[in-house]
C-alpha atoms as a PDB file:
ATOM      1  CA  MET A   1     -54.160 -52.908 -10.144  1.00  0.00           C
ATOM      2  CA  THR A   2     -54.832 -50.290 -12.807  1.00  0.00           C
ATOM      3  CA  ASN A   3     -57.999 -49.930 -14.861  1.00  0.00           C
ATOM      4  CA  SER A   4     -56.328 -51.506 -17.897  1.00  0.00           C
ATOM      5  CA  GLN A   5     -55.165 -54.502 -15.822  1.00  0.00           C
ATOM      6  CA  GLU A   6     -58.649 -54.937 -14.407  1.00  0.00           C
ATOM      7  CA  HIS A   7     -60.022 -54.682 -17.923  1.00  0.00           C
ATOM      8  CA  LYS A   8     -57.714 -57.511 -19.100  1.00  0.00           C
ATOM      9  CA  THR A   9     -58.593 -59.639 -16.081  1.00  0.00           C
ATOM     10  CA  LEU A  10     -62.309 -59.160 -16.736  1.00  0.00           C
ATOM     11  CA  GLU A  11     -61.774 -60.236 -20.340  1.00  0.00           C
ATOM     12  CA  LYS A  12     -60.078 -63.442 -19.177  1.00  0.00           C
ATOM     13  CA  ILE A  13     -62.928 -64.106 -16.759  1.00  0.00           C
ATOM     14  CA  SER A  14     -65.537 -63.511 -19.464  1.00  0.00           C
ATOM     15  CA  ALA A  15     -63.634 -65.972 -21.682  1.00  0.00           C
ATOM     16  CA  GLY A  16     -63.928 -68.629 -18.972  1.00  0.00           C
ATOM     17  CA  ARG A  17     -60.288 -68.684 -17.930  1.00  0.00           C
ATOM     18  CA  ARG A  18     -60.977 -67.599 -14.318  1.00  0.00           C
ATOM     19  CA  GLY A  19     -63.802 -67.997 -11.875  1.00  0.00           C
ATOM     20  CA  SER A  20     -66.583 -65.515 -11.219  1.00  0.00           C
ATOM     21  CA  GLY A  21     -65.249 -64.980  -7.704  1.00  0.00           C
ATOM     22  CA  ASN A  22     -62.357 -62.988  -9.075  1.00  0.00           C
ATOM     23  CA  ALA A  23     -64.802 -61.027 -11.234  1.00  0.00           C
ATOM     24  CA  ALA A  24     -66.861 -60.113  -8.160  1.00  0.00           C
ATOM     25  CA  VAL A  25     -63.736 -58.745  -6.459  1.00  0.00           C
ATOM     26  CA  LEU A  26     -62.917 -56.666  -9.528  1.00  0.00           C
ATOM     27  CA  LEU A  27     -66.492 -55.391  -9.720  1.00  0.00           C
ATOM     28  CA  ASN A  28     -66.244 -54.234  -6.112  1.00  0.00           C
ATOM     29  CA  ARG A  29     -63.103 -52.321  -7.014  1.00  0.00           C
ATOM     30  CA  LEU A  30     -64.704 -50.820 -10.124  1.00  0.00           C
ATOM     31  CA  GLU A  31     -67.640 -49.580  -8.060  1.00  0.00           C
ATOM     32  CA  LYS A  32     -65.210 -47.454  -6.028  1.00  0.00           C
ATOM     33  CA  PHE A  33     -63.727 -45.799  -9.110  1.00  0.00           C
ATOM     34  CA  ARG A  34     -65.305 -42.811 -10.811  1.00  0.00           C
ATOM     35  CA  VAL A  35     -65.340 -44.003 -14.405  1.00  0.00           C
ATOM     36  CA  THR A  36     -66.245 -41.406 -17.043  1.00  0.00           C
ATOM     37  CA  ALA A  37     -68.262 -42.118 -20.183  1.00  0.00           C
ATOM     38  CA  GLU A  38     -65.162 -41.473 -22.308  1.00  0.00           C
ATOM     39  CA  GLU A  39     -63.179 -44.078 -20.353  1.00  0.00           C
ATOM     40  CA  VAL A  40     -66.005 -46.583 -20.742  1.00  0.00           C
ATOM     41  CA  GLU A  41     -65.979 -46.083 -24.502  1.00  0.00           C
ATOM     42  CA  ILE A  42     -62.175 -46.162 -24.885  1.00  0.00           C
ATOM     43  CA  THR A  43     -61.499 -49.185 -22.645  1.00  0.00           C
ATOM     44  CA  GLY A  44     -64.490 -51.231 -23.793  1.00  0.00           C
ATOM     45  CA  LEU A  45     -65.454 -52.089 -20.198  1.00  0.00           C
ATOM     46  CA  GLU A  46     -69.119 -52.073 -21.076  1.00  0.00           C
ATOM     47  CA  GLU A  47     -68.763 -54.822 -23.688  1.00  0.00           C
ATOM     48  CA  VAL A  48     -66.744 -56.959 -21.258  1.00  0.00           C
ATOM     49  CA  LEU A  49     -69.380 -56.576 -18.538  1.00  0.00           C
ATOM     50  CA  LEU A  50     -72.127 -57.473 -20.989  1.00  0.00           C
ATOM     51  CA  ARG A  51     -70.267 -60.678 -21.889  1.00  0.00           C
ATOM     52  CA  LEU A  52     -69.923 -61.475 -18.181  1.00  0.00           C
ATOM     53  CA  LEU A  53     -73.630 -60.837 -17.747  1.00  0.00           C
ATOM     54  CA  ARG A  54     -74.482 -63.321 -20.481  1.00  0.00           C
ATOM     55  CA  SER A  55     -72.106 -66.009 -19.248  1.00  0.00           C
ATOM     56  CA  SER A  56     -72.868 -65.843 -15.504  1.00  0.00           C
ATOM     57  CA  GLU A  57     -75.684 -67.775 -13.815  1.00  0.00           C
ATOM     58  CA  GLU A  58     -75.283 -66.282 -10.309  1.00  0.00           C
ATOM     59  CA  LEU A  59     -78.162 -63.936  -9.505  1.00  0.00           C
ATOM     60  CA  SER A  60     -76.180 -61.716  -7.107  1.00  0.00           C
ATOM     61  CA  PHE A  61     -73.335 -61.343  -9.594  1.00  0.00           C
ATOM     62  CA  ARG A  62     -75.760 -60.491 -12.411  1.00  0.00           C
ATOM     63  CA  GLU A  63     -77.484 -57.863 -10.248  1.00  0.00           C
ATOM     64  CA  LYS A  64     -74.124 -56.291  -9.396  1.00  0.00           C
ATOM     65  CA  VAL A  65     -73.148 -56.087 -13.074  1.00  0.00           C
ATOM     66  CA  GLN A  66     -76.532 -54.603 -13.993  1.00  0.00           C
ATOM     67  CA  GLY A  67     -76.245 -51.992 -11.228  1.00  0.00           C
ATOM     68  CA  LEU A  68     -72.783 -50.952 -12.400  1.00  0.00           C
ATOM     69  CA  LEU A  69     -73.976 -50.645 -15.989  1.00  0.00           C
ATOM     70  CA  ARG A  70     -76.982 -48.572 -14.932  1.00  0.00           C
ATOM     71  CA  ARG A  71     -74.756 -46.242 -12.914  1.00  0.00           C
ATOM     72  CA  TRP A  72     -72.446 -45.656 -15.870  1.00  0.00           C
ATOM     73  CA  ARG A  73     -75.414 -45.193 -18.131  1.00  0.00           C
ATOM     74  CA  SER A  74     -77.032 -42.577 -15.876  1.00  0.00           C
ATOM     75  CA  GLY A  75     -73.794 -40.591 -15.845  1.00  0.00           C
ATOM     76  CA  ASP A  76     -73.439 -40.636 -19.661  1.00  0.00           C
ATOM     77  CA  ARG A  77     -74.711 -37.408 -21.279  1.00  0.00           C
ATOM     78  CA  GLY A  78     -72.857 -37.690 -24.582  1.00  0.00           C
ATOM     79  CA  GLY A  79     -74.470 -40.633 -26.307  1.00  0.00           C
ATOM     80  CA  VAL A  80     -71.572 -43.021 -25.640  1.00  0.00           C
ATOM     81  CA  LYS A  81     -72.042 -46.652 -26.565  1.00  0.00           C
ATOM     82  CA  ASP A  82     -74.577 -47.485 -23.879  1.00  0.00           C
ATOM     83  CA  GLN A  83     -76.979 -49.755 -25.723  1.00  0.00           C
ATOM     84  CA  LEU A  84     -77.798 -52.231 -22.989  1.00  0.00           C
ATOM     85  CA  ARG A  85     -79.554 -55.074 -24.714  1.00  0.00           C
ATOM     86  CA  SER A  86     -81.893 -57.314 -22.820  1.00  0.00           C
ATOM     87  CA  THR A  87     -79.982 -60.376 -21.664  1.00  0.00           C
ATOM     88  CA  ALA A  88     -82.081 -63.456 -20.996  1.00  0.00           C
ATOM     89  CA  SER A  89     -81.277 -65.896 -18.178  1.00  0.00           C
ATOM     90  CA  PRO A  90     -80.133 -69.442 -19.082  1.00  0.00           C
ATOM     91  CA  GLY A  91     -83.639 -70.728 -18.415  1.00  0.00           C
ATOM     92  CA  GLY A  92     -85.183 -68.385 -20.958  1.00  0.00           C
ATOM     93  CA  SER A  93     -86.499 -65.782 -18.470  1.00  0.00           C
ATOM     94  CA  GLU A  94     -85.866 -62.124 -19.331  1.00  0.00           C
ATOM     95  CA  GLU A  95     -86.739 -60.613 -15.970  1.00  0.00           C
ATOM     96  CA  ASP A  96     -83.060 -60.314 -14.943  1.00  0.00           C
ATOM     97  CA  GLY A  97     -81.894 -58.810 -18.249  1.00  0.00           C
ATOM     98  CA  VAL A  98     -80.773 -55.266 -18.903  1.00  0.00           C
ATOM     99  CA  LEU A  99     -83.427 -53.227 -20.680  1.00  0.00           C
ATOM    100  CA  ALA A 100     -82.534 -52.426 -24.287  1.00  0.00           C
ATOM    101  CA  ASP A 101     -81.983 -48.828 -25.230  1.00  0.00           C
ATOM    102  CA  PRO A 102     -84.696 -47.853 -27.771  1.00  0.00           C
ATOM    103  CA  GLU A 103     -82.482 -45.271 -29.523  1.00  0.00           C
ATOM    104  CA  PRO A 104     -79.464 -46.210 -31.677  1.00  0.00           C
ATOM    105  CA  THR A 105     -76.087 -44.864 -30.631  1.00  0.00           C
ATOM    106  CA  ALA A 106     -75.753 -42.758 -33.813  1.00  0.00           C
ATOM    107  CA  VAL A 107     -79.067 -41.036 -33.078  1.00  0.00           C
ATOM    108  CA  LYS A 108     -77.983 -40.304 -29.510  1.00  0.00           C
ATOM    109  CA  ARG A 109     -74.684 -38.874 -30.654  1.00  0.00           C
ATOM    110  CA  ARG A 110     -76.401 -36.618 -33.180  1.00  0.00           C
ATOM    111  CA  SER A 111     -78.907 -35.482 -30.546  1.00  0.00           C
ATOM    112  CA  ALA A 112     -76.099 -34.737 -28.092  1.00  0.00           C
ATOM    113  CA  SER A 113     -74.206 -32.805 -30.764  1.00  0.00           C
ATOM    114  CA  LEU A 114     -77.285 -30.696 -31.568  1.00  0.00           C
ATOM    115  CA  ASP A 115     -77.906 -30.039 -27.868  1.00  0.00           C
ATOM    116  CA  SER A 116     -74.295 -28.911 -27.498  1.00  0.00           C
ATOM    117  CA  ALA A 117     -74.618 -26.558 -30.494  1.00  0.00           C
ATOM    118  CA  ARG A 118     -77.838 -25.079 -29.119  1.00  0.00           C
ATOM    119  CA  SER A 119     -76.237 -24.527 -25.709  1.00  0.00           C
ATOM    120  CA  LYS A 120     -73.365 -22.721 -27.412  1.00  0.00           C
ATOM    121  CA  CYS A 121     -75.834 -20.495 -29.279  1.00  0.00           C
ATOM    122  CA  VAL A 122     -77.589 -19.621 -26.009  1.00  0.00           C
ATOM    123  CA  GLN A 123     -74.227 -18.653 -24.499  1.00  0.00           C
ATOM    124  CA  LEU A 124     -73.412 -16.428 -27.490  1.00  0.00           C
ATOM    125  CA  LEU A 125     -76.784 -14.674 -27.238  1.00  0.00           C
ATOM    126  CA  LEU A 126     -76.362 -14.206 -23.491  1.00  0.00           C
ATOM    127  CA  ALA A 127     -72.893 -12.702 -23.971  1.00  0.00           C
ATOM    128  CA  ALA A 128     -74.235 -10.378 -26.688  1.00  0.00           C
ATOM    129  CA  LEU A 129     -76.928  -9.053 -24.330  1.00  0.00           C
ATOM    130  CA  LEU A 130     -74.163  -7.740 -22.011  1.00  0.00           C
ATOM    131  CA  PRO A 131     -76.343  -7.942 -18.900  1.00  0.00           C
ATOM    132  CA  ASP A 132     -75.444  -6.128 -15.699  1.00  0.00           C
ATOM    133  CA  PRO A 133     -75.187  -8.300 -12.553  1.00  0.00           C
ATOM    134  CA  PRO A 134     -78.796  -7.580 -11.475  1.00  0.00           C
ATOM    135  CA  GLU A 135     -80.021  -8.569 -14.965  1.00  0.00           C
ATOM    136  CA  GLN A 136     -78.091 -11.842 -15.302  1.00  0.00           C
ATOM    137  CA  GLU A 137     -81.036 -14.115 -14.567  1.00  0.00           C
ATOM    138  CA  GLN A 138     -83.423 -12.170 -16.806  1.00  0.00           C
ATOM    139  CA  ALA A 139     -80.854 -12.107 -19.623  1.00  0.00           C
ATOM    140  CA  ALA A 140     -80.315 -15.871 -19.334  1.00  0.00           C
ATOM    141  CA  GLU A 141     -84.065 -16.462 -19.702  1.00  0.00           C
ATOM    142  CA  LEU A 142     -84.193 -14.083 -22.683  1.00  0.00           C
ATOM    143  CA  ALA A 143     -81.269 -15.821 -24.411  1.00  0.00           C
ATOM    144  CA  GLY A 144     -82.920 -19.212 -23.944  1.00  0.00           C
ATOM    145  CA  ALA A 145     -86.275 -17.935 -25.239  1.00  0.00           C
ATOM    146  CA  ILE A 146     -84.690 -16.274 -28.292  1.00  0.00           C
ATOM    147  CA  GLU A 147     -82.762 -19.448 -29.157  1.00  0.00           C
ATOM    148  CA  GLU A 148     -85.890 -21.571 -28.750  1.00  0.00           C
ATOM    149  CA  HIS A 149     -87.903 -19.382 -31.145  1.00  0.00           C
ATOM    150  CA  ILE A 150     -85.059 -19.350 -33.699  1.00  0.00           C
ATOM    151  CA  HIS A 151     -84.802 -23.133 -33.431  1.00  0.00           C
ATOM    152  CA  GLN A 152     -88.530 -23.513 -34.048  1.00  0.00           C
ATOM    153  CA  LEU A 153     -88.323 -21.230 -37.101  1.00  0.00           C
ATOM    154  CA  HIS A 154     -85.363 -22.990 -38.732  1.00  0.00           C
ATOM    155  CA  LYS A 155     -85.508 -26.465 -37.199  1.00  0.00           C
ATOM    156  CA  PRO A 156     -85.409 -28.338 -40.553  1.00  0.00           C
ATOM    157  CA  ASN A 157     -82.382 -26.342 -41.776  1.00  0.00           C
ATOM    158  CA  GLN A 158     -79.421 -26.170 -39.394  1.00  0.00           C
ATOM    159  CA  LEU A 159     -77.484 -23.864 -41.729  1.00  0.00           C
ATOM    160  CA  ARG A 160     -80.236 -21.225 -41.633  1.00  0.00           C
ATOM    161  CA  TYR A 161     -80.541 -21.704 -37.874  1.00  0.00           C
ATOM    162  CA  LYS A 162     -76.850 -20.941 -37.313  1.00  0.00           C
ATOM    163  CA  THR A 163     -76.909 -18.048 -39.794  1.00  0.00           C
ATOM    164  CA  CYS A 164     -79.885 -16.499 -37.997  1.00  0.00           C
ATOM    165  CA  VAL A 165     -78.178 -16.852 -34.601  1.00  0.00           C
ATOM    166  CA  ARG A 166     -75.003 -15.219 -35.937  1.00  0.00           C
ATOM    167  CA  SER A 167     -77.055 -12.343 -37.361  1.00  0.00           C
ATOM    168  CA  LYS A 168     -78.832 -11.783 -34.046  1.00  0.00           C
ATOM    169  CA  VAL A 169     -75.561 -11.890 -32.093  1.00  0.00           C
ATOM    170  CA  ALA A 170     -73.840  -9.459 -34.496  1.00  0.00           C
ATOM    171  CA  ASN A 171     -76.713  -6.963 -34.320  1.00  0.00           C
ATOM    172  CA  LEU A 172     -76.874  -7.154 -30.522  1.00  0.00           C
ATOM    173  CA  ARG A 173     -73.129  -6.484 -30.331  1.00  0.00           C
ATOM    174  CA  ASN A 174     -73.295  -3.603 -32.812  1.00  0.00           C
ATOM    175  CA  PRO A 175     -72.860  -0.368 -30.804  1.00  0.00           C
ATOM    176  CA  LYS A 176     -75.136   1.394 -33.315  1.00  0.00           C
ATOM    177  CA  ASN A 177     -78.057  -0.871 -32.354  1.00  0.00           C
ATOM    178  CA  PRO A 178     -78.482  -0.265 -28.592  1.00  0.00           C
ATOM    179  CA  HIS A 179     -82.263  -0.191 -29.060  1.00  0.00           C
ATOM    180  CA  LEU A 180     -82.330  -3.980 -29.504  1.00  0.00           C
ATOM    181  CA  ARG A 181     -80.707  -4.736 -26.157  1.00  0.00           C
ATOM    182  CA  ARG A 182     -82.732  -2.070 -24.332  1.00  0.00           C
ATOM    183  CA  GLY A 183     -85.960  -3.314 -25.877  1.00  0.00           C
ATOM    184  CA  LEU A 184     -85.304  -6.941 -24.906  1.00  0.00           C
ATOM    185  CA  LEU A 185     -84.270  -6.173 -21.328  1.00  0.00           C
ATOM    186  CA  SER A 186     -87.126  -3.714 -20.801  1.00  0.00           C
ATOM    187  CA  GLY A 187     -89.725  -6.071 -22.255  1.00  0.00           C
ATOM    188  CA  SER A 188     -90.856  -3.749 -25.055  1.00  0.00           C
ATOM    189  CA  LEU A 189     -89.328  -6.149 -27.606  1.00  0.00           C
ATOM    190  CA  LEU A 190     -90.481  -9.748 -27.192  1.00  0.00           C
ATOM    191  CA  PRO A 191     -88.048 -12.640 -27.850  1.00  0.00           C
ATOM    192  CA  GLN A 192     -90.418 -14.127 -30.450  1.00  0.00           C
ATOM    193  CA  ALA A 193     -90.611 -10.843 -32.361  1.00  0.00           C
ATOM    194  CA  PHE A 194     -86.828 -10.408 -32.183  1.00  0.00           C
ATOM    195  CA  ALA A 195     -86.278 -13.952 -33.501  1.00  0.00           C
ATOM    196  CA  ARG A 196     -88.402 -13.149 -36.575  1.00  0.00           C
ATOM    197  CA  MET A 197     -86.808  -9.775 -37.336  1.00  0.00           C
ATOM    198  CA  SER A 198     -84.872  -9.424 -40.583  1.00  0.00           C
ATOM    199  CA  ALA A 199     -81.552  -7.591 -40.924  1.00  0.00           C
ATOM    200  CA  GLU A 200     -83.371  -4.509 -42.262  1.00  0.00           C
ATOM    201  CA  GLU A 201     -85.738  -4.481 -39.286  1.00  0.00           C
ATOM    202  CA  MET A 202     -82.891  -4.781 -36.765  1.00  0.00           C
ATOM    203  CA  ALA A 203     -80.981  -1.830 -38.257  1.00  0.00           C
ATOM    204  CA  GLY A 204     -80.504   1.277 -36.150  1.00  0.00           C
ATOM    205  CA  PRO A 205     -82.064   4.694 -36.897  1.00  0.00           C
ATOM    206  CA  GLU A 206     -78.901   5.993 -38.599  1.00  0.00           C
ATOM    207  CA  LEU A 207     -78.679   3.073 -41.016  1.00  0.00           C
ATOM    208  CA  ARG A 208     -82.406   3.279 -41.728  1.00  0.00           C
ATOM    209  CA  ARG A 209     -82.138   6.968 -42.615  1.00  0.00           C
ATOM    210  CA  LEU A 210     -79.201   6.220 -44.905  1.00  0.00           C
ATOM    211  CA  ARG A 211     -81.154   3.483 -46.684  1.00  0.00           C
ATOM    212  CA  GLU A 212     -84.178   5.739 -47.099  1.00  0.00           C
ATOM    213  CA  GLU A 213     -81.984   8.501 -48.537  1.00  0.00           C
ATOM    214  CA  ILE A 214     -80.380   6.133 -51.054  1.00  0.00           C
ATOM    215  CA  CYS A 215     -83.798   4.806 -52.057  1.00  0.00           C
ATOM    216  CA  ARG A 216     -85.193   8.330 -52.451  1.00  0.00           C
ATOM    217  CA  ARG A 217     -82.267   9.396 -54.627  1.00  0.00           C
ATOM    218  CA  GLY A 218     -82.675   6.351 -56.816  1.00  0.00           C
ATOM    219  CA  VAL A 219     -86.366   7.102 -57.343  1.00  0.00           C
ATOM    220  CA  ASN A 220     -85.649  10.741 -58.174  1.00  0.00           C
ATOM    221  CA  GLU A 221     -82.975   9.796 -60.684  1.00  0.00           C
ATOM    222  CA  ARG A 222     -85.366   7.459 -62.454  1.00  0.00           C
ATOM    223  CA  GLN A 223     -88.060  10.119 -62.590  1.00  0.00           C
ATOM    224  CA  LEU A 224     -85.823  12.816 -64.122  1.00  0.00           C
ATOM    225  CA  PRO A 225     -86.290  13.359 -67.880  1.00  0.00           C
ATOM    226  CA  ARG A 226     -83.585  11.735 -69.970  1.00  0.00           C
ATOM    227  CA  PRO A 227     -81.539  14.130 -72.095  1.00  0.00           C
ATOM    228  CA  GLU A 228     -81.733  13.784 -75.845  1.00  0.00           C
ATOM    229  CA  GLU A 229     -78.895  11.832 -77.378  1.00  0.00           C
ATOM    230  CA  GLY A 230     -76.927  12.676 -80.479  1.00  0.00           C
ATOM    231  CA  THR A 231     -75.271  15.667 -82.073  1.00  0.00           C
ATOM    232  CA  PRO A 232     -77.638  18.439 -83.194  1.00  0.00           C
ATOM    233  CA  THR A 233     -77.574  19.276 -86.890  1.00  0.00           C
ATOM    234  CA  ARG A 234     -79.601  21.356 -89.329  1.00  0.00           C
ATOM    235  CA  GLY A 235     -78.079  19.785 -92.445  1.00  0.00           C
ATOM    236  CA  VAL A 236     -80.704  17.012 -92.745  1.00  0.00           C
ATOM    237  CA  ARG A 237     -84.415  17.423 -93.515  1.00  0.00           C
ATOM    238  CA  CYS A 238     -87.048  15.115 -91.977  1.00  0.00           C
ATOM    239  CA  ARG A 239     -89.144  13.351 -94.643  1.00  0.00           C
ATOM    240  CA  ARG A 240     -92.181  13.202 -92.377  1.00  0.00           C
ATOM    241  CA  CYS A 241     -92.563  16.769 -91.126  1.00  0.00           C
ATOM    242  CA  GLY A 242     -90.033  18.514 -93.357  1.00  0.00           C
ATOM    243  CA  GLY A 243     -88.195  20.047 -90.404  1.00  0.00           C
ATOM    244  CA  SER A 244     -84.435  20.406 -90.261  1.00  0.00           C
ATOM    245  CA  ASP A 245     -83.986  20.306 -86.469  1.00  0.00           C
ATOM    246  CA  CYS A 246     -82.395  16.863 -86.171  1.00  0.00           C
ATOM    247  CA  ARG A 247     -79.818  14.961 -84.129  1.00  0.00           C
ATOM    248  CA  VAL A 248     -77.235  12.492 -85.459  1.00  0.00           C
ATOM    249  CA  THR A 249     -76.359   9.484 -83.285  1.00  0.00           C
ATOM    250  CA  GLN A 250     -73.692   6.832 -83.854  1.00  0.00           C
ATOM    251  CA  VAL A 251     -73.824   3.475 -82.076  1.00  0.00           C
ATOM    252  CA  SER A 252     -70.938   0.985 -82.090  1.00  0.00           C
ATOM    253  CA  ARG A 253     -72.339  -2.540 -82.093  1.00  0.00           C
ATOM    254  CA  GLY A 254     -69.906  -4.510 -84.170  1.00  0.00           C
ATOM    255  CA  ASP A 255     -70.257  -2.360 -87.292  1.00  0.00           C
ATOM    256  CA  ALA A 256     -70.808   1.322 -86.635  1.00  0.00           C
ATOM    257  CA  MET A 257     -74.442   2.336 -87.116  1.00  0.00           C
ATOM    258  CA  THR A 258     -75.475   5.972 -87.650  1.00  0.00           C
ATOM    259  CA  PHE A 259     -79.049   7.231 -87.597  1.00  0.00           C
ATOM    260  CA  VAL A 260     -80.862  10.561 -87.454  1.00  0.00           C
ATOM    261  CA  THR A 261     -83.697  11.558 -85.126  1.00  0.00           C
ATOM    262  CA  CYS A 262     -86.044  14.430 -85.849  1.00  0.00           C
ATOM    263  CA  SER A 263     -86.361  16.642 -82.777  1.00  0.00           C
ATOM    264  CA  VAL A 264     -89.805  17.859 -83.927  1.00  0.00           C
ATOM    265  CA  CYS A 265     -91.758  14.658 -84.689  1.00  0.00           C
ATOM    266  CA  GLY A 266     -89.381  11.962 -83.338  1.00  0.00           C
ATOM    267  CA  GLN A 267     -88.992  10.162 -86.656  1.00  0.00           C
ATOM    268  CA  GLN A 268     -85.794   8.091 -86.934  1.00  0.00           C
ATOM    269  CA  TRP A 269     -84.039   6.887 -90.077  1.00  0.00           C
ATOM    270  CA  TYR A 270     -80.658   5.598 -91.161  1.00  0.00           C
ATOM    271  CA  HIS A 271     -78.097   7.345 -93.335  1.00  0.00           C
ATOM    272  CA  SER A 272     -79.290   5.600 -96.496  1.00  0.00           C
ATOM    273  CA  ARG A 273     -82.533   7.574 -96.364  1.00  0.00           C
ATOM    274  CA  TRP A 274     -81.091  10.963 -95.495  1.00  0.00           C
ATOM    275  CA  SER A 275     -82.239  13.994 -97.367  1.00  0.00           C
ATOM    276  CA  CYS A 276     -79.258  16.289 -97.058  1.00  0.00           C
ATOM    277  CA  LEU A 277     -79.676  20.018 -97.537  1.00  0.00           C
END
């Protein structure tokens, strides 16, 4: 008899169409099978067994059902539907019932998903460390410690957590940043300090020199004196100082605007107030 046939037979028994003796035989057969958590969820065996548990009054049968449910539950790591509610005996006693799971299924599934994502991040960090065979164990501990510190830093925000892990992995894999891997494996760079490092701090010496050079050039350009604008002319006299060393500038902002600047005193005026020579 296949699992699906046994499932249908158990449903008939739970509905009262067959005796519990047949159910005990099927339970003995189920105990010999290795049922995965996915199969339990897909076939709905757990719900059928819970209905049998509620409807049966035989102590030995109830204990067998409870033991099977506990075994499936202990083998479930993925948060499958394993909420075993406390089932009271017909007389009102709860000592034979299955203990209720305090966590909802949705919470368990989310927790399992997060644990899976964190394990994947640890594997990525371990692969990025490129450990030699003698350093495998040390590298595994380092990857776990780095991931733990990153998780503590960005625990409320999963997006930042994943972004930080990707940044660390990319910098460890960058052939221009060998100092990061050497520092971690030698112990000169602690996992906590590495987890807090920014992209600028993780950069290699070559990239740091390039950034410093760009910054220095930008500062020098800002500090250089700005050349005077405009076309020099000696055909206009300044009304303030009387000098004729001036510059004419035209600016196009909608309508063209032309003004004159005295190179001696800095006075500016528009063409309507020119004193032409």
